[in-house]
Protein backbone atom coordinates (compact mmCIF):
# COMPACT_ATOMS: atom_id res chain seq x y z
CA MET A 1 0.00 0.00 0.00
CA ALA A 2 1.19 3.51 -0.75
CA PRO A 3 2.25 5.36 2.38
CA ASP A 4 -0.71 7.08 4.03
CA ILE A 5 -3.07 6.42 1.10
CA SER A 6 -6.06 4.22 1.76
CA ASN A 7 -7.50 2.02 -0.98
CA GLN A 8 -10.63 4.16 -0.89
CA ASP A 9 -8.70 7.41 -1.40
CA LEU A 10 -6.69 5.87 -4.24
CA VAL A 11 -9.82 4.60 -5.98
CA MET A 12 -11.54 7.98 -5.61
CA HIS A 13 -8.52 9.74 -7.15
CA LEU A 14 -7.98 7.27 -10.01
CA PHE A 15 -11.69 7.07 -10.81
CA ALA A 16 -11.98 10.86 -11.03
CA ARG A 17 -8.86 11.08 -13.26
CA ALA A 18 -10.07 8.27 -15.54
CA THR A 19 -13.70 9.32 -15.88
CA GLY A 20 -13.80 13.03 -15.06
CA ARG A 21 -16.36 12.48 -12.31
CA ALA A 22 -16.61 11.19 -8.77
CA ALA A 23 -17.32 7.51 -8.23
CA SER A 24 -20.75 6.59 -6.94
CA ASP A 25 -20.92 4.76 -3.62
CA GLU A 26 -21.48 1.50 -5.51
CA GLU A 27 -18.51 2.09 -7.84
CA LEU A 28 -16.28 3.06 -4.94
CA THR A 29 -17.27 -0.07 -3.01
CA PHE A 30 -16.73 -2.30 -6.04
CA TRP A 31 -13.30 -0.96 -7.02
CA THR A 32 -12.06 -0.79 -3.44
CA SER A 33 -13.06 -4.43 -2.95
CA GLN A 34 -10.91 -5.40 -5.97
CA ILE A 35 -7.66 -4.49 -4.16
CA GLY A 36 -6.01 -6.97 -1.82
CA GLU A 37 -4.64 -10.45 -1.52
CA GLY A 38 -6.62 -12.87 -3.69
CA GLN A 39 -8.43 -10.05 -5.51
CA ALA A 40 -8.15 -8.84 -9.11
CA TYR A 41 -5.45 -6.35 -8.05
CA GLU A 42 -3.32 -7.63 -5.19
CA THR A 43 -1.71 -4.22 -4.64
CA GLN A 44 -2.52 -0.58 -5.20
CA GLY A 45 0.31 -0.57 -7.74
CA GLU A 46 -1.40 -3.23 -9.84
CA LEU A 47 -4.58 -1.14 -9.98
CA LEU A 48 -2.56 1.95 -10.86
CA ALA A 49 -0.75 0.05 -13.63
CA MET A 50 -4.07 -1.07 -15.12
CA VAL A 51 -5.48 2.45 -15.06
CA ALA A 52 -2.29 3.80 -16.67
CA THR A 53 -2.87 1.56 -19.70
CA LEU A 54 -6.40 2.80 -20.38
CA PRO A 55 -6.85 4.46 -23.79
CA GLU A 56 -7.77 7.71 -22.04
CA PHE A 57 -4.16 7.95 -20.86
CA THR A 58 -2.25 6.21 -23.64
CA GLY A 59 -4.14 7.88 -26.50
CA PRO A 60 -2.48 11.30 -26.16
CA LEU A 61 0.94 9.65 -26.09
CA VAL A 62 0.20 7.71 -29.27
CA GLU A 63 -1.00 10.91 -30.93
CA LEU A 64 2.23 12.63 -29.92
CA ILE A 65 4.73 9.96 -31.03
CA GLY A 66 2.66 7.77 -33.37
CA ALA A 67 1.73 4.13 -33.12
CA PRO A 68 4.45 1.54 -33.74
CA GLN A 69 4.34 0.26 -37.30
CA VAL A 70 6.42 -2.87 -36.74
CA GLN A 71 6.30 -5.75 -34.31
CA LEU A 72 9.03 -5.26 -31.71
CA ASP A 73 11.18 -8.24 -30.73
CA ALA A 74 11.32 -8.37 -26.91
CA SER A 75 14.40 -10.60 -27.03
CA VAL A 76 16.44 -7.51 -27.90
CA PHE A 77 15.84 -6.40 -24.33
CA GLY A 78 16.84 -9.75 -22.84
CA LEU A 79 13.28 -10.78 -22.10
């Protein structure tokens, strides 16, 4: 967990950034319940990583630099 940030506060912040509005009580309860051991997102970082990949956030970057036109070979990076 991020220092001094509750799951509820994190969800409220991420939800507002992703949708432009506050989460309803039901949405807040649902997303908060998805964080923790055995849940869809075991850590706050996993939820943050998922939100960071949403088109709302990646779209402007793609518009700025363009979409890749070739398949990248991950083995170049030792993966």
